[in-house]
């Protein structure tokens, strides 16, 4: 296990003085009571601050709303899981047998473990070091940022339809549970619809707009 940890430390370009922090960061709650949940909580805060600071310093022409959208893209579960996959955290992560065959759950667990690692670096060294590691790991995603990403998906969809002189879409709330929302986005003129799920109505609408934007690409090809 130490050998694997050494390989991981080389990938993140940081060597822990207290290896226990790293071991804990890589231990899921299904494996042990001494797990990474608290470090994940800390790492989430560190990552948000690190990315916010980076964007403020490097995107001086963007307003608060645009910066928030970029930050949301960079710290999303999908992005963190992607970075975690590149680091091959799966080979280092310690999980219980109950999750061994549940791939859909394991993917999000990898992103959580990355947050825990950043939290562990913060405790082992300081914020500047943790921020530096995280920004380095996000470089590919940062370099791929575009102006369009500063716009939310509903705005992009609206602009696309206006450009094509198509009536604006209608959003219909189909499910409203305590922690799950489903929205249907309908472009009646084109007979297109798509659904989106989210933790709140706004998030579900954004996802529905994103999904129907993908359909529009094929529709006009």
C-alpha atoms as a PDB file:
ATOM      1  CA  UNK A   1       0.000   0.000   0.000  1.00  0.00           C
ATOM      2  CA  UNK A   2       2.882   2.352   0.777  1.00  0.00           C
ATOM      3  CA  UNK A   3       4.225   1.848  -2.739  1.00  0.00           C
ATOM      4  CA  UNK A   4       0.877   2.864  -4.205  1.00  0.00           C
ATOM      5  CA  UNK A   5       0.778   5.905  -1.961  1.00  0.00           C
ATOM      6  CA  UNK A   6       4.240   6.898  -3.156  1.00  0.00           C
ATOM      7  CA  UNK A   7       3.091   6.669  -6.759  1.00  0.00           C
ATOM      8  CA  UNK A   8       0.058   8.812  -5.982  1.00  0.00           C
ATOM      9  CA  UNK A   9       2.188  11.393  -4.191  1.00  0.00           C
ATOM     10  CA  UNK A  10       4.337  11.695  -7.306  1.00  0.00           C
ATOM     11  CA  UNK A  11       1.239  12.252  -9.440  1.00  0.00           C
ATOM     12  CA  UNK A  12      -0.020  15.078  -7.238  1.00  0.00           C
ATOM     13  CA  UNK A  13       3.522  16.396  -6.722  1.00  0.00           C
ATOM     14  CA  UNK A  14       3.210  16.449  -2.950  1.00  0.00           C
ATOM     15  CA  UNK A  15       4.743  14.217  -0.288  1.00  0.00           C
ATOM     16  CA  UNK A  16       2.911  13.950   3.013  1.00  0.00           C
ATOM     17  CA  UNK A  17       4.837  14.331   6.243  1.00  0.00           C
ATOM     18  CA  UNK A  18       1.995  12.615   8.077  1.00  0.00           C
ATOM     19  CA  UNK A  19       1.018   9.648   5.894  1.00  0.00           C
ATOM     20  CA  UNK A  20      -1.983   8.986   8.120  1.00  0.00           C
ATOM     21  CA  UNK A  21      -3.739  11.965   6.548  1.00  0.00           C
ATOM     22  CA  UNK A  22      -3.417  10.415   3.095  1.00  0.00           C
ATOM     23  CA  UNK A  23      -4.471   6.983   4.305  1.00  0.00           C
ATOM     24  CA  UNK A  24      -7.570   8.461   5.917  1.00  0.00           C
ATOM     25  CA  UNK A  25      -8.355  10.476   2.778  1.00  0.00           C
ATOM     26  CA  UNK A  26      -8.372   7.239   0.798  1.00  0.00           C
ATOM     27  CA  UNK A  27     -10.588   5.317   3.232  1.00  0.00           C
ATOM     28  CA  UNK A  28     -14.312   5.279   2.448  1.00  0.00           C
ATOM     29  CA  UNK A  29     -16.943   5.097   5.179  1.00  0.00           C
ATOM     30  CA  UNK A  30     -17.976   1.648   3.922  1.00  0.00           C
ATOM     31  CA  UNK A  31     -14.517   0.407   4.899  1.00  0.00           C
ATOM     32  CA  UNK A  32     -13.910   1.951   8.309  1.00  0.00           C
ATOM     33  CA  UNK A  33     -15.255   4.332  10.928  1.00  0.00           C
ATOM     34  CA  UNK A  34     -11.942   6.157  10.573  1.00  0.00           C
ATOM     35  CA  UNK A  35     -12.829   7.412   7.098  1.00  0.00           C
ATOM     36  CA  UNK A  36     -12.489  10.390   4.764  1.00  0.00           C
ATOM     37  CA  UNK A  37     -15.832  12.131   5.318  1.00  0.00           C
ATOM     38  CA  UNK A  38     -14.457  14.907   7.530  1.00  0.00           C
ATOM     39  CA  UNK A  39     -11.507  15.475   5.194  1.00  0.00           C
ATOM     40  CA  UNK A  40     -13.923  15.557   2.258  1.00  0.00           C
ATOM     41  CA  UNK A  41     -15.901  18.283   4.027  1.00  0.00           C
ATOM     42  CA  UNK A  42     -12.725  20.301   4.556  1.00  0.00           C
ATOM     43  CA  UNK A  43     -11.412  19.676   1.050  1.00  0.00           C
ATOM     44  CA  UNK A  44     -14.647  20.866  -0.525  1.00  0.00           C
ATOM     45  CA  UNK A  45     -14.225  24.246   1.186  1.00  0.00           C
ATOM     46  CA  UNK A  46     -10.534  24.465   0.266  1.00  0.00           C
ATOM     47  CA  UNK A  47     -11.201  23.655  -3.399  1.00  0.00           C
ATOM     48  CA  UNK A  48     -13.980  26.218  -3.674  1.00  0.00           C
ATOM     49  CA  UNK A  49     -11.774  28.927  -2.189  1.00  0.00           C
ATOM     50  CA  UNK A  50      -8.740  27.909  -4.272  1.00  0.00           C
ATOM     51  CA  UNK A  51     -10.701  27.976  -7.529  1.00  0.00           C
ATOM     52  CA  UNK A  52     -12.444  31.233  -6.583  1.00  0.00           C
ATOM     53  CA  UNK A  53      -9.095  32.887  -5.878  1.00  0.00           C
ATOM     54  CA  UNK A  54      -7.619  31.607  -9.141  1.00  0.00           C
ATOM     55  CA  UNK A  55     -10.556  32.854 -11.210  1.00  0.00           C
ATOM     56  CA  UNK A  56     -10.539  36.279  -9.541  1.00  0.00           C
ATOM     57  CA  UNK A  57      -6.843  36.706 -10.346  1.00  0.00           C
ATOM     58  CA  UNK A  58      -6.946  35.334 -13.890  1.00  0.00           C
ATOM     59  CA  UNK A  59     -10.347  36.404 -15.258  1.00  0.00           C
ATOM     60  CA  UNK A  60     -10.422  40.080 -14.323  1.00  0.00           C
ATOM     61  CA  UNK A  61     -12.964  40.962 -17.028  1.00  0.00           C
ATOM     62  CA  UNK A  62     -15.707  38.615 -15.784  1.00  0.00           C
ATOM     63  CA  UNK A  63     -18.488  39.612 -13.407  1.00  0.00           C
ATOM     64  CA  UNK A  64     -19.571  37.708 -10.312  1.00  0.00           C
ATOM     65  CA  UNK A  65     -22.223  35.690 -12.130  1.00  0.00           C
ATOM     66  CA  UNK A  66     -19.833  34.525 -14.847  1.00  0.00           C
ATOM     67  CA  UNK A  67     -17.164  33.659 -12.296  1.00  0.00           C
ATOM     68  CA  UNK A  68     -19.693  31.587 -10.370  1.00  0.00           C
ATOM     69  CA  UNK A  69     -20.565  29.593 -13.483  1.00  0.00           C
ATOM     70  CA  UNK A  70     -16.904  28.876 -14.250  1.00  0.00           C
ATOM     71  CA  UNK A  71     -16.287  27.841 -10.661  1.00  0.00           C
ATOM     72  CA  UNK A  72     -19.329  25.586 -10.755  1.00  0.00           C
ATOM     73  CA  UNK A  73     -17.936  23.860 -13.852  1.00  0.00           C
ATOM     74  CA  UNK A  74     -14.499  23.386 -12.320  1.00  0.00           C
ATOM     75  CA  UNK A  75     -15.642  22.057  -8.941  1.00  0.00           C
ATOM     76  CA  UNK A  76     -18.527  19.938 -10.238  1.00  0.00           C
ATOM     77  CA  UNK A  77     -18.742  16.291  -9.265  1.00  0.00           C
ATOM     78  CA  UNK A  78     -18.185  15.333 -12.913  1.00  0.00           C
ATOM     79  CA  UNK A  79     -14.956  17.351 -13.145  1.00  0.00           C
ATOM     80  CA  UNK A  80     -13.573  16.135  -9.823  1.00  0.00           C
ATOM     81  CA  UNK A  81     -14.375  12.526 -10.698  1.00  0.00           C
ATOM     82  CA  UNK A  82     -12.637  12.983 -14.057  1.00  0.00           C
ATOM     83  CA  UNK A  83      -9.500  14.308 -12.360  1.00  0.00           C
ATOM     84  CA  UNK A  84      -9.662  11.507  -9.795  1.00  0.00           C
ATOM     85  CA  UNK A  85      -9.859   8.968 -12.608  1.00  0.00           C
ATOM     86  CA  UNK A  86      -6.729  10.402 -14.236  1.00  0.00           C
ATOM     87  CA  UNK A  87      -4.942   9.987 -10.908  1.00  0.00           C
ATOM     88  CA  UNK A  88      -6.126   6.362 -10.787  1.00  0.00           C
ATOM     89  CA  UNK A  89      -7.538   6.840  -7.299  1.00  0.00           C
ATOM     90  CA  UNK A  90      -9.502   3.638  -7.790  1.00  0.00           C
ATOM     91  CA  UNK A  91      -6.355   1.575  -7.267  1.00  0.00           C
ATOM     92  CA  UNK A  92      -5.627   3.393  -3.996  1.00  0.00           C
ATOM     93  CA  UNK A  93      -9.102   3.870  -2.568  1.00  0.00           C
ATOM     94  CA  UNK A  94     -10.129   1.554   0.245  1.00  0.00           C
ATOM     95  CA  UNK A  95     -13.834   0.705   0.095  1.00  0.00           C
ATOM     96  CA  UNK A  96     -16.036  -1.926   1.690  1.00  0.00           C
ATOM     97  CA  UNK A  97     -17.291  -5.024  -0.096  1.00  0.00           C
ATOM     98  CA  UNK A  98     -20.813  -3.578  -0.198  1.00  0.00           C
ATOM     99  CA  UNK A  99     -19.679  -1.036  -2.819  1.00  0.00           C
ATOM    100  CA  UNK A 100     -17.226  -3.162  -4.764  1.00  0.00           C
ATOM    101  CA  UNK A 101     -19.669  -3.925  -7.589  1.00  0.00           C
ATOM    102  CA  UNK A 102     -21.629  -0.658  -7.636  1.00  0.00           C
ATOM    103  CA  UNK A 103     -19.804   1.281 -10.344  1.00  0.00           C
ATOM    104  CA  UNK A 104     -22.341   4.130 -10.508  1.00  0.00           C
ATOM    105  CA  UNK A 105     -21.730   4.912  -6.844  1.00  0.00           C
ATOM    106  CA  UNK A 106     -17.974   4.396  -7.011  1.00  0.00           C
ATOM    107  CA  UNK A 107     -17.553   7.128  -9.638  1.00  0.00           C
ATOM    108  CA  UNK A 108     -18.801   9.845  -7.268  1.00  0.00           C
ATOM    109  CA  UNK A 109     -16.760   8.311  -4.456  1.00  0.00           C
ATOM    110  CA  UNK A 110     -13.573   8.996  -6.433  1.00  0.00           C
ATOM    111  CA  UNK A 111     -14.400  12.699  -6.647  1.00  0.00           C
ATOM    112  CA  UNK A 112     -15.133  12.723  -2.927  1.00  0.00           C
ATOM    113  CA  UNK A 113     -11.758  11.100  -2.268  1.00  0.00           C
ATOM    114  CA  UNK A 114     -10.035  13.827  -4.276  1.00  0.00           C
ATOM    115  CA  UNK A 115     -11.694  16.434  -2.061  1.00  0.00           C
ATOM    116  CA  UNK A 116     -10.482  14.500   0.973  1.00  0.00           C
ATOM    117  CA  UNK A 117      -6.913  14.449  -0.362  1.00  0.00           C
ATOM    118  CA  UNK A 118      -6.963  18.231  -0.783  1.00  0.00           C
ATOM    119  CA  UNK A 119      -8.289  18.553   2.762  1.00  0.00           C
ATOM    120  CA  UNK A 120      -5.482  16.280   3.936  1.00  0.00           C
ATOM    121  CA  UNK A 121      -2.852  18.428   2.200  1.00  0.00           C
ATOM    122  CA  UNK A 122      -4.303  21.493   3.918  1.00  0.00           C
ATOM    123  CA  UNK A 123      -3.853  19.838   7.320  1.00  0.00           C
ATOM    124  CA  UNK A 124      -0.435  18.402   6.506  1.00  0.00           C
ATOM    125  CA  UNK A 125       0.926  21.699   5.128  1.00  0.00           C
ATOM    126  CA  UNK A 126      -1.264  24.765   4.528  1.00  0.00           C
ATOM    127  CA  UNK A 127      -3.859  26.348   2.257  1.00  0.00           C
ATOM    128  CA  UNK A 128      -1.370  27.631  -0.315  1.00  0.00           C
ATOM    129  CA  UNK A 129       0.025  24.148  -0.882  1.00  0.00           C
ATOM    130  CA  UNK A 130      -3.420  22.565  -1.100  1.00  0.00           C
ATOM    131  CA  UNK A 131      -4.576  25.261  -3.525  1.00  0.00           C
ATOM    132  CA  UNK A 132      -1.459  24.863  -5.666  1.00  0.00           C
ATOM    133  CA  UNK A 133      -1.962  21.106  -5.976  1.00  0.00           C
ATOM    134  CA  UNK A 134      -5.635  21.499  -6.877  1.00  0.00           C
ATOM    135  CA  UNK A 135      -5.076  24.179  -9.506  1.00  0.00           C
ATOM    136  CA  UNK A 136      -2.312  22.082 -11.080  1.00  0.00           C
ATOM    137  CA  UNK A 137      -4.670  19.100 -11.252  1.00  0.00           C
ATOM    138  CA  UNK A 138      -7.331  21.267 -12.901  1.00  0.00           C
ATOM    139  CA  UNK A 139      -5.043  22.756 -15.553  1.00  0.00           C
ATOM    140  CA  UNK A 140      -6.525  20.799 -18.471  1.00  0.00           C
ATOM    141  CA  UNK A 141     -10.031  21.811 -17.456  1.00  0.00           C
ATOM    142  CA  UNK A 142      -8.973  25.436 -16.902  1.00  0.00           C
ATOM    143  CA  UNK A 143      -7.330  25.614 -20.328  1.00  0.00           C
ATOM    144  CA  UNK A 144     -10.499  24.321 -21.972  1.00  0.00           C
ATOM    145  CA  UNK A 145     -12.685  27.021 -20.420  1.00  0.00           C
ATOM    146  CA  UNK A 146     -14.462  29.122 -23.019  1.00  0.00           C
ATOM    147  CA  UNK A 147     -16.551  32.269 -22.978  1.00  0.00           C
ATOM    148  CA  UNK A 148     -19.670  30.199 -23.622  1.00  0.00           C
ATOM    149  CA  UNK A 149     -19.110  28.413 -20.326  1.00  0.00           C
ATOM    150  CA  UNK A 150     -19.763  31.671 -18.495  1.00  0.00           C
ATOM    151  CA  UNK A 151     -23.347  31.444 -19.693  1.00  0.00           C
ATOM    152  CA  UNK A 152     -25.826  29.071 -18.131  1.00  0.00           C
ATOM    153  CA  UNK A 153     -27.420  26.413 -20.340  1.00  0.00           C
ATOM    154  CA  UNK A 154     -30.849  28.059 -20.373  1.00  0.00           C
ATOM    155  CA  UNK A 155     -29.287  31.257 -21.708  1.00  0.00           C
ATOM    156  CA  UNK A 156     -27.340  29.353 -24.360  1.00  0.00           C
ATOM    157  CA  UNK A 157     -30.501  27.542 -25.440  1.00  0.00           C
ATOM    158  CA  UNK A 158     -32.445  30.789 -25.626  1.00  0.00           C
ATOM    159  CA  UNK A 159     -29.736  32.433 -27.746  1.00  0.00           C
ATOM    160  CA  UNK A 160     -29.566  29.423 -30.060  1.00  0.00           C
ATOM    161  CA  UNK A 161     -33.329  29.421 -30.633  1.00  0.00           C
ATOM    162  CA  UNK A 162     -33.502  33.176 -31.135  1.00  0.00           C
ATOM    163  CA  UNK A 163     -30.742  32.943 -33.712  1.00  0.00           C
ATOM    164  CA  UNK A 164     -32.775  30.323 -35.586  1.00  0.00           C
ATOM    165  CA  UNK A 165     -36.002  32.325 -35.108  1.00  0.00           C
ATOM    166  CA  UNK A 166     -37.630  29.538 -33.108  1.00  0.00           C
ATOM    167  CA  UNK A 167     -40.040  30.184 -30.232  1.00  0.00           C
ATOM    168  CA  UNK A 168     -38.564  29.901 -26.751  1.00  0.00           C
ATOM    169  CA  UNK A 169     -38.858  26.617 -24.824  1.00  0.00           C
ATOM    170  CA  UNK A 170     -41.293  25.773 -22.053  1.00  0.00           C
ATOM    171  CA  UNK A 171     -40.112  24.199 -18.795  1.00  0.00           C
ATOM    172  CA  UNK A 172     -42.534  21.886 -17.003  1.00  0.00           C
ATOM    173  CA  UNK A 173     -41.959  20.599 -13.476  1.00  0.00           C
ATOM    174  CA  UNK A 174     -42.845  16.894 -13.440  1.00  0.00           C
ATOM    175  CA  UNK A 175     -41.494  15.685 -10.100  1.00  0.00           C
ATOM    176  CA  UNK A 176     -40.964  17.631  -6.895  1.00  0.00           C
ATOM    177  CA  UNK A 177     -39.536  15.482  -4.122  1.00  0.00           C
ATOM    178  CA  UNK A 178     -37.611  16.600  -1.067  1.00  0.00           C
ATOM    179  CA  UNK A 179     -34.202  16.104  -2.670  1.00  0.00           C
ATOM    180  CA  UNK A 180     -34.993  15.366  -6.323  1.00  0.00           C
ATOM    181  CA  UNK A 181     -36.611  17.415  -9.071  1.00  0.00           C
ATOM    182  CA  UNK A 182     -37.463  16.488 -12.659  1.00  0.00           C
ATOM    183  CA  UNK A 183     -38.151  19.105 -15.316  1.00  0.00           C
ATOM    184  CA  UNK A 184     -39.171  18.632 -18.951  1.00  0.00           C
ATOM    185  CA  UNK A 185     -37.927  21.188 -21.474  1.00  0.00           C
ATOM    186  CA  UNK A 186     -40.152  21.384 -24.560  1.00  0.00           C
ATOM    187  CA  UNK A 187     -39.526  23.162 -27.865  1.00  0.00           C
ATOM    188  CA  UNK A 188     -42.994  22.782 -29.320  1.00  0.00           C
ATOM    189  CA  UNK A 189     -42.180  24.271 -32.715  1.00  0.00           C
ATOM    190  CA  UNK A 190     -39.514  21.609 -33.327  1.00  0.00           C
ATOM    191  CA  UNK A 191     -41.365  18.814 -31.532  1.00  0.00           C
ATOM    192  CA  UNK A 192     -38.344  18.307 -29.279  1.00  0.00           C
ATOM    193  CA  UNK A 193     -38.271  17.620 -25.562  1.00  0.00           C
ATOM    194  CA  UNK A 194     -35.766  16.544 -22.966  1.00  0.00           C
ATOM    195  CA  UNK A 195     -35.805  15.980 -19.236  1.00  0.00           C
ATOM    196  CA  UNK A 196     -33.385  17.044 -16.555  1.00  0.00           C
ATOM    197  CA  UNK A 197     -32.898  16.006 -12.949  1.00  0.00           C
ATOM    198  CA  UNK A 198     -31.458  18.052 -10.110  1.00  0.00           C
ATOM    199  CA  UNK A 199     -31.402  18.746  -6.403  1.00  0.00           C
ATOM    200  CA  UNK A 200     -33.629  21.769  -6.996  1.00  0.00           C
ATOM    201  CA  UNK A 201     -35.850  23.154  -9.751  1.00  0.00           C
ATOM    202  CA  UNK A 202     -33.187  25.515 -11.101  1.00  0.00           C
ATOM    203  CA  UNK A 203     -30.601  22.756 -11.407  1.00  0.00           C
ATOM    204  CA  UNK A 204     -33.119  20.453 -13.105  1.00  0.00           C
ATOM    205  CA  UNK A 205     -34.032  23.181 -15.622  1.00  0.00           C
ATOM    206  CA  UNK A 206     -30.366  23.759 -16.430  1.00  0.00           C
ATOM    207  CA  UNK A 207     -29.835  20.040 -17.005  1.00  0.00           C
ATOM    208  CA  UNK A 208     -32.918  19.805 -19.217  1.00  0.00           C
ATOM    209  CA  UNK A 209     -31.664  22.764 -21.262  1.00  0.00           C
ATOM    210  CA  UNK A 210     -28.228  21.157 -21.571  1.00  0.00           C
ATOM    211  CA  UNK A 211     -29.749  17.882 -22.776  1.00  0.00           C
ATOM    212  CA  UNK A 212     -31.967  19.527 -25.365  1.00  0.00           C
ATOM    213  CA  UNK A 213     -29.038  21.594 -26.656  1.00  0.00           C
ATOM    214  CA  UNK A 214     -27.356  18.290 -27.521  1.00  0.00           C
ATOM    215  CA  UNK A 215     -30.471  17.210 -29.401  1.00  0.00           C
ATOM    216  CA  UNK A 216     -30.502  20.480 -31.335  1.00  0.00           C
ATOM    217  CA  UNK A 217     -27.044  19.743 -32.722  1.00  0.00           C
ATOM    218  CA  UNK A 218     -28.316  16.509 -34.279  1.00  0.00           C
ATOM    219  CA  UNK A 219     -31.608  18.105 -35.329  1.00  0.00           C
ATOM    220  CA  UNK A 220     -29.907  20.695 -37.531  1.00  0.00           C
ATOM    221  CA  UNK A 221     -27.211  18.420 -38.953  1.00  0.00           C
END
